[in-house]
Amino acid sequence: MSDISKQPFLTLFLRFFSIFLIVVTIIKIIFALVSDGYESMMNEFFSAANWMQFVKIQLAMSAVYGLFMTGYYKFIKK
């Protein structure tokens, strides 16, 4: 982890952003499948009216997490 602060800001951000996006999206979909079932999950996340909001929320959460973690490793933890 000591070499992580030497990476460029954008590279580090994209790493945190993409990992968070993939993991949280998969977990969110699995929990919805287990708790509500397939049809309910599809209507909640991927219906014509809701899929864009689902994508925006996932991207916003991932961007906040990516910026926070990148800032932490680049500027705070040295």
Protein backbone atom coordinates (compact mmCIF):
# COMPACT_ATOMS: atom_id res chain seq x y z
CA MET A 1 0.00 0.00 0.00
CA SER A 2 2.94 2.37 0.28
CA ASP A 3 3.25 2.59 -3.53
CA ILE A 4 -0.39 3.62 -3.89
CA SER A 5 0.34 7.27 -3.06
CA LYS A 6 2.85 7.46 -5.92
CA GLN A 7 0.26 6.67 -8.60
CA PRO A 8 -1.33 9.49 -10.62
CA PHE A 9 -4.53 10.96 -9.19
CA LEU A 10 -6.70 9.93 -12.14
CA THR A 11 -5.42 6.35 -12.17
CA LEU A 12 -6.03 5.97 -8.48
CA PHE A 13 -9.49 7.54 -8.77
CA LEU A 14 -10.49 5.23 -11.62
CA ARG A 15 -9.32 2.20 -9.64
CA PHE A 16 -11.37 3.08 -6.55
CA PHE A 17 -14.34 4.23 -8.67
CA SER A 18 -14.55 1.09 -10.80
CA ILE A 19 -14.06 -1.40 -7.98
CA PHE A 20 -16.71 0.30 -5.84
CA LEU A 21 -19.11 0.56 -8.77
CA ILE A 22 -18.84 -3.12 -9.66
CA VAL A 23 -18.94 -4.49 -6.11
CA VAL A 24 -21.76 -2.30 -4.80
CA THR A 25 -23.91 -2.81 -7.91
CA ILE A 26 -23.56 -6.58 -7.70
CA ILE A 27 -24.32 -6.59 -3.96
CA LYS A 28 -27.35 -4.31 -4.42
CA ILE A 29 -28.77 -6.52 -7.17
CA ILE A 30 -28.16 -9.73 -5.21
CA PHE A 31 -29.86 -8.34 -2.08
CA ALA A 32 -32.84 -7.21 -4.15
CA LEU A 33 -33.08 -10.64 -5.78
CA VAL A 34 -32.95 -12.45 -2.45
CA SER A 35 -35.36 -10.19 -0.60
CA ASP A 36 -37.94 -9.35 -3.29
CA GLY A 37 -37.49 -11.79 -6.15
CA TYR A 38 -36.56 -11.37 -9.78
CA GLU A 39 -39.66 -9.55 -11.03
CA SER A 40 -39.64 -7.01 -8.21
CA MET A 41 -35.90 -6.37 -8.66
CA MET A 42 -36.36 -5.83 -12.40
CA ASN A 43 -39.25 -3.41 -11.80
CA GLU A 44 -37.38 -1.53 -9.08
CA PHE A 45 -34.01 -1.12 -10.83
CA PHE A 46 -34.39 -1.78 -14.56
CA SER A 47 -37.86 -0.67 -15.60
CA ALA A 48 -38.12 1.98 -18.31
CA ALA A 49 -38.80 4.69 -15.72
CA ASN A 50 -36.21 3.67 -13.09
CA TRP A 51 -33.06 2.39 -14.78
CA MET A 52 -31.58 5.83 -15.43
CA GLN A 53 -32.03 6.83 -11.79
CA PHE A 54 -30.40 3.55 -10.68
CA VAL A 55 -27.38 4.20 -12.92
CA LYS A 56 -27.05 7.82 -11.77
CA ILE A 57 -27.15 6.83 -8.10
CA GLN A 58 -24.54 4.13 -8.61
CA LEU A 59 -22.25 6.49 -10.54
CA ALA A 60 -22.65 9.28 -7.97
CA MET A 61 -21.89 6.98 -5.03
CA SER A 62 -18.87 5.57 -6.83
CA ALA A 63 -17.56 9.03 -7.72
CA VAL A 64 -17.86 10.25 -4.12
CA TYR A 65 -16.15 7.12 -2.82
CA GLY A 66 -13.43 7.33 -5.47
CA LEU A 67 -12.70 10.99 -4.75
CA PHE A 68 -12.67 10.46 -1.00
CA MET A 69 -10.39 7.43 -1.08
CA THR A 70 -8.06 8.99 -3.67
CA GLY A 71 -7.79 12.16 -1.60
CA TYR A 72 -7.16 10.12 1.51
CA TYR A 73 -4.36 8.06 0.01
CA LYS A 74 -2.79 10.92 -1.96
CA PHE A 75 -2.90 13.73 0.60
CA ILE A 76 -3.69 12.47 4.09
CA LYS A 77 -2.03 9.07 4.43
CA LYS A 78 1.62 9.52 3.60
